[in-house]
Amino acid sequence: MNYELAQELKDAGFPNIKDLQHRQGREFILSDGSVPVYSLGNAENVTDWFIPILEELIEACGKQFDRLISYHDTGDWEATSEKDSDGYFKSASGKTPTEAVARLWLALHSMKTDANQDQNRPTH
């Protein structure tokens, strides 16, 4: 996953790994933009944000995640959600499965944020 997409996930509120043991061997973002790999015994600050793996992204999409498709002719991947109550689904693509599902999580998360903002708007 590239730095920009990882930063988008972080900014959108994707949960960080809190358990130090599960950080072993995982990439994380430092405030200077570098992406090192965590090793047990490192005294890294808990505010550093760890880049999610494919399984975590799928789990975070929850029941809305439907499928992940590979297009052999282009090498692209597409992640698709289940239809929502209005009969619509979300879809996102990427060069890797992880990128496609990360973009799907962002699309699903923006739907929830938009819905929450609509509920909080005053009516006239």
C-alpha atoms as a PDB file:
ATOM      1  CA  MET A   1       0.000   0.000   0.000  1.00  0.00           C
ATOM      2  CA  ASN A   2       1.393   3.415  -0.857  1.00  0.00           C
ATOM      3  CA  TYR A   3       1.881   6.153   1.724  1.00  0.00           C
ATOM      4  CA  GLU A   4      -0.913   8.374   0.377  1.00  0.00           C
ATOM      5  CA  LEU A   5      -3.572   5.645   0.639  1.00  0.00           C
ATOM      6  CA  ALA A   6      -2.353   4.651   4.100  1.00  0.00           C
ATOM      7  CA  GLN A   7      -2.575   8.292   5.177  1.00  0.00           C
ATOM      8  CA  GLU A   8      -6.129   8.533   3.759  1.00  0.00           C
ATOM      9  CA  LEU A   9      -7.154   5.530   5.867  1.00  0.00           C
ATOM     10  CA  LYS A  10      -5.544   7.049   8.947  1.00  0.00           C
ATOM     11  CA  ASP A  11      -7.220  10.421   8.352  1.00  0.00           C
ATOM     12  CA  ALA A  12     -10.602   8.718   7.822  1.00  0.00           C
ATOM     13  CA  GLY A  13     -10.360   7.025  11.209  1.00  0.00           C
ATOM     14  CA  PHE A  14      -9.297   3.481  10.345  1.00  0.00           C
ATOM     15  CA  PRO A  15      -8.488   1.883  13.727  1.00  0.00           C
ATOM     16  CA  ASN A  16      -4.879   1.568  14.842  1.00  0.00           C
ATOM     17  CA  ILE A  17      -3.282  -1.588  16.274  1.00  0.00           C
ATOM     18  CA  LYS A  18      -3.072  -1.111  20.033  1.00  0.00           C
ATOM     19  CA  ASP A  19      -1.669  -4.515  21.080  1.00  0.00           C
ATOM     20  CA  LEU A  20       2.138  -4.327  20.905  1.00  0.00           C
ATOM     21  CA  GLN A  21       2.469  -8.047  20.218  1.00  0.00           C
ATOM     22  CA  HIS A  22       0.370  -7.751  17.036  1.00  0.00           C
ATOM     23  CA  ARG A  23       2.602  -4.934  15.758  1.00  0.00           C
ATOM     24  CA  GLN A  24       5.560  -7.292  15.223  1.00  0.00           C
ATOM     25  CA  GLY A  25       6.738  -7.163  11.591  1.00  0.00           C
ATOM     26  CA  ARG A  26       4.106  -4.603  10.577  1.00  0.00           C
ATOM     27  CA  GLU A  27       4.681  -1.396   8.621  1.00  0.00           C
ATOM     28  CA  PHE A  28       3.731   1.855  10.319  1.00  0.00           C
ATOM     29  CA  ILE A  29       3.765   5.564   9.468  1.00  0.00           C
ATOM     30  CA  LEU A  30       5.964   8.000  11.360  1.00  0.00           C
ATOM     31  CA  SER A  31       5.205  11.695  11.527  1.00  0.00           C
ATOM     32  CA  ASP A  32       8.060  12.361   9.063  1.00  0.00           C
ATOM     33  CA  GLY A  33       6.264  10.206   6.456  1.00  0.00           C
ATOM     34  CA  SER A  34       8.663   7.266   6.611  1.00  0.00           C
ATOM     35  CA  VAL A  35       7.262   3.726   6.745  1.00  0.00           C
ATOM     36  CA  PRO A  36       9.503   1.435   8.850  1.00  0.00           C
ATOM     37  CA  VAL A  37       8.740  -2.095  10.060  1.00  0.00           C
ATOM     38  CA  TYR A  38       8.031  -2.604  13.765  1.00  0.00           C
ATOM     39  CA  SER A  39      10.103  -5.027  15.801  1.00  0.00           C
ATOM     40  CA  LEU A  40       9.282  -6.085  19.371  1.00  0.00           C
ATOM     41  CA  GLY A  41      11.483  -4.182  21.716  1.00  0.00           C
ATOM     42  CA  ASN A  42      11.254  -0.982  19.699  1.00  0.00           C
ATOM     43  CA  ALA A  43      10.148   1.833  21.932  1.00  0.00           C
ATOM     44  CA  GLU A  44       7.827   3.248  19.276  1.00  0.00           C
ATOM     45  CA  ASN A  45       5.210   5.705  20.376  1.00  0.00           C
ATOM     46  CA  VAL A  46       1.641   4.339  20.488  1.00  0.00           C
ATOM     47  CA  THR A  47       0.555   7.301  18.376  1.00  0.00           C
ATOM     48  CA  ASP A  48       2.327   5.812  15.332  1.00  0.00           C
ATOM     49  CA  TRP A  49      -0.240   4.398  12.928  1.00  0.00           C
ATOM     50  CA  PHE A  50       0.097   0.831  11.614  1.00  0.00           C
ATOM     51  CA  ILE A  51      -0.830   0.055   8.017  1.00  0.00           C
ATOM     52  CA  PRO A  52      -3.641  -2.535   7.838  1.00  0.00           C
ATOM     53  CA  ILE A  53      -3.312  -5.832   5.988  1.00  0.00           C
ATOM     54  CA  LEU A  54      -5.918  -7.264   3.612  1.00  0.00           C
ATOM     55  CA  GLU A  55      -7.644  -9.393   6.251  1.00  0.00           C
ATOM     56  CA  GLU A  56      -8.062  -6.393   8.569  1.00  0.00           C
ATOM     57  CA  LEU A  57      -9.497  -4.277   5.768  1.00  0.00           C
ATOM     58  CA  ILE A  58     -12.030  -6.962   4.820  1.00  0.00           C
ATOM     59  CA  GLU A  59     -13.000  -7.391   8.477  1.00  0.00           C
ATOM     60  CA  ALA A  60     -13.394  -3.620   8.867  1.00  0.00           C
ATOM     61  CA  CYS A  61     -15.790  -3.518   5.890  1.00  0.00           C
ATOM     62  CA  GLY A  62     -17.916  -5.970   7.850  1.00  0.00           C
ATOM     63  CA  LYS A  63     -21.043  -7.515   6.434  1.00  0.00           C
ATOM     64  CA  GLN A  64     -21.056  -4.926   3.675  1.00  0.00           C
ATOM     65  CA  PHE A  65     -18.046  -6.590   1.981  1.00  0.00           C
ATOM     66  CA  ASP A  66     -19.251  -8.845  -0.828  1.00  0.00           C
ATOM     67  CA  ARG A  67     -16.429  -9.851  -3.155  1.00  0.00           C
ATOM     68  CA  LEU A  68     -12.973  -9.230  -4.511  1.00  0.00           C
ATOM     69  CA  ILE A  69     -12.449  -9.741  -8.240  1.00  0.00           C
ATOM     70  CA  SER A  70      -9.240  -9.905 -10.274  1.00  0.00           C
ATOM     71  CA  TYR A  71      -9.218  -8.717 -13.885  1.00  0.00           C
ATOM     72  CA  HIS A  72      -6.534 -10.732 -15.636  1.00  0.00           C
ATOM     73  CA  ASP A  73      -6.504  -8.543 -18.750  1.00  0.00           C
ATOM     74  CA  THR A  74      -5.558  -5.368 -16.810  1.00  0.00           C
ATOM     75  CA  GLY A  75      -4.121  -6.793 -13.593  1.00  0.00           C
ATOM     76  CA  ASP A  76      -6.510  -4.610 -11.577  1.00  0.00           C
ATOM     77  CA  TRP A  77      -8.609  -5.701  -8.607  1.00  0.00           C
ATOM     78  CA  GLU A  78     -12.139  -4.651  -7.717  1.00  0.00           C
ATOM     79  CA  ALA A  79     -13.772  -4.851  -4.287  1.00  0.00           C
ATOM     80  CA  THR A  80     -17.549  -4.643  -4.096  1.00  0.00           C
ATOM     81  CA  SER A  81     -20.004  -4.168  -1.251  1.00  0.00           C
ATOM     82  CA  GLU A  82     -23.410  -5.723  -0.668  1.00  0.00           C
ATOM     83  CA  LYS A  83     -26.384  -3.635  -1.766  1.00  0.00           C
ATOM     84  CA  ASP A  84     -27.560  -1.200   0.877  1.00  0.00           C
ATOM     85  CA  SER A  85     -31.189  -0.655   1.876  1.00  0.00           C
ATOM     86  CA  ASP A  86     -31.674   1.610  -1.161  1.00  0.00           C
ATOM     87  CA  GLY A  87     -30.468  -1.117  -3.543  1.00  0.00           C
ATOM     88  CA  TYR A  88     -27.084   0.484  -4.244  1.00  0.00           C
ATOM     89  CA  PHE A  89     -23.642  -1.018  -3.862  1.00  0.00           C
ATOM     90  CA  LYS A  90     -20.167   0.488  -3.669  1.00  0.00           C
ATOM     91  CA  SER A  91     -17.220  -0.588  -5.753  1.00  0.00           C
ATOM     92  CA  ALA A  92     -13.542   0.373  -5.650  1.00  0.00           C
ATOM     93  CA  SER A  93     -10.519  -0.713  -7.649  1.00  0.00           C
ATOM     94  CA  GLY A  94      -6.779  -0.874  -7.168  1.00  0.00           C
ATOM     95  CA  LYS A  95      -3.588  -2.428  -8.448  1.00  0.00           C
ATOM     96  CA  THR A  96      -3.554  -4.881  -5.507  1.00  0.00           C
ATOM     97  CA  PRO A  97      -6.292  -6.605  -3.504  1.00  0.00           C
ATOM     98  CA  THR A  98      -5.270  -4.576  -0.438  1.00  0.00           C
ATOM     99  CA  GLU A  99      -5.547  -1.287  -2.318  1.00  0.00           C
ATOM    100  CA  ALA A 100      -8.973  -2.186  -3.728  1.00  0.00           C
ATOM    101  CA  VAL A 101     -10.405  -3.158  -0.318  1.00  0.00           C
ATOM    102  CA  ALA A 102      -8.828  -0.095   1.337  1.00  0.00           C
ATOM    103  CA  ARG A 103     -10.564   2.119  -1.217  1.00  0.00           C
ATOM    104  CA  LEU A 104     -13.826   0.222  -0.640  1.00  0.00           C
ATOM    105  CA  TRP A 105     -13.522   0.832   3.129  1.00  0.00           C
ATOM    106  CA  LEU A 106     -13.007   4.536   2.396  1.00  0.00           C
ATOM    107  CA  ALA A 107     -16.082   4.577   0.126  1.00  0.00           C
ATOM    108  CA  LEU A 108     -18.199   2.791   2.745  1.00  0.00           C
ATOM    109  CA  HIS A 109     -16.871   5.016   5.498  1.00  0.00           C
ATOM    110  CA  SER A 110     -17.690   8.157   3.516  1.00  0.00           C
ATOM    111  CA  MET A 111     -21.287   6.877   3.151  1.00  0.00           C
ATOM    112  CA  LYS A 112     -21.578   6.567   6.947  1.00  0.00           C
ATOM    113  CA  THR A 113     -20.003   9.975   7.479  1.00  0.00           C
ATOM    114  CA  ASP A 114     -22.361  11.553   4.931  1.00  0.00           C
ATOM    115  CA  ALA A 115     -25.374   9.885   6.592  1.00  0.00           C
ATOM    116  CA  ASN A 116     -24.265  11.073  10.041  1.00  0.00           C
ATOM    117  CA  GLN A 117     -23.804  14.607   8.732  1.00  0.00           C
ATOM    118  CA  ASP A 118     -27.284  14.531   7.150  1.00  0.00           C
ATOM    119  CA  GLN A 119     -28.802  13.444  10.475  1.00  0.00           C
ATOM    120  CA  ASN A 120     -27.036  16.263  12.318  1.00  0.00           C
ATOM    121  CA  ARG A 121     -28.153  19.003   9.917  1.00  0.00           C
ATOM    122  CA  PRO A 122     -30.840  21.316  11.259  1.00  0.00           C
ATOM    123  CA  THR A 123     -34.170  21.248   9.476  1.00  0.00           C
ATOM    124  CA  HIS A 124     -35.974  24.461   8.608  1.00  0.00           C
END
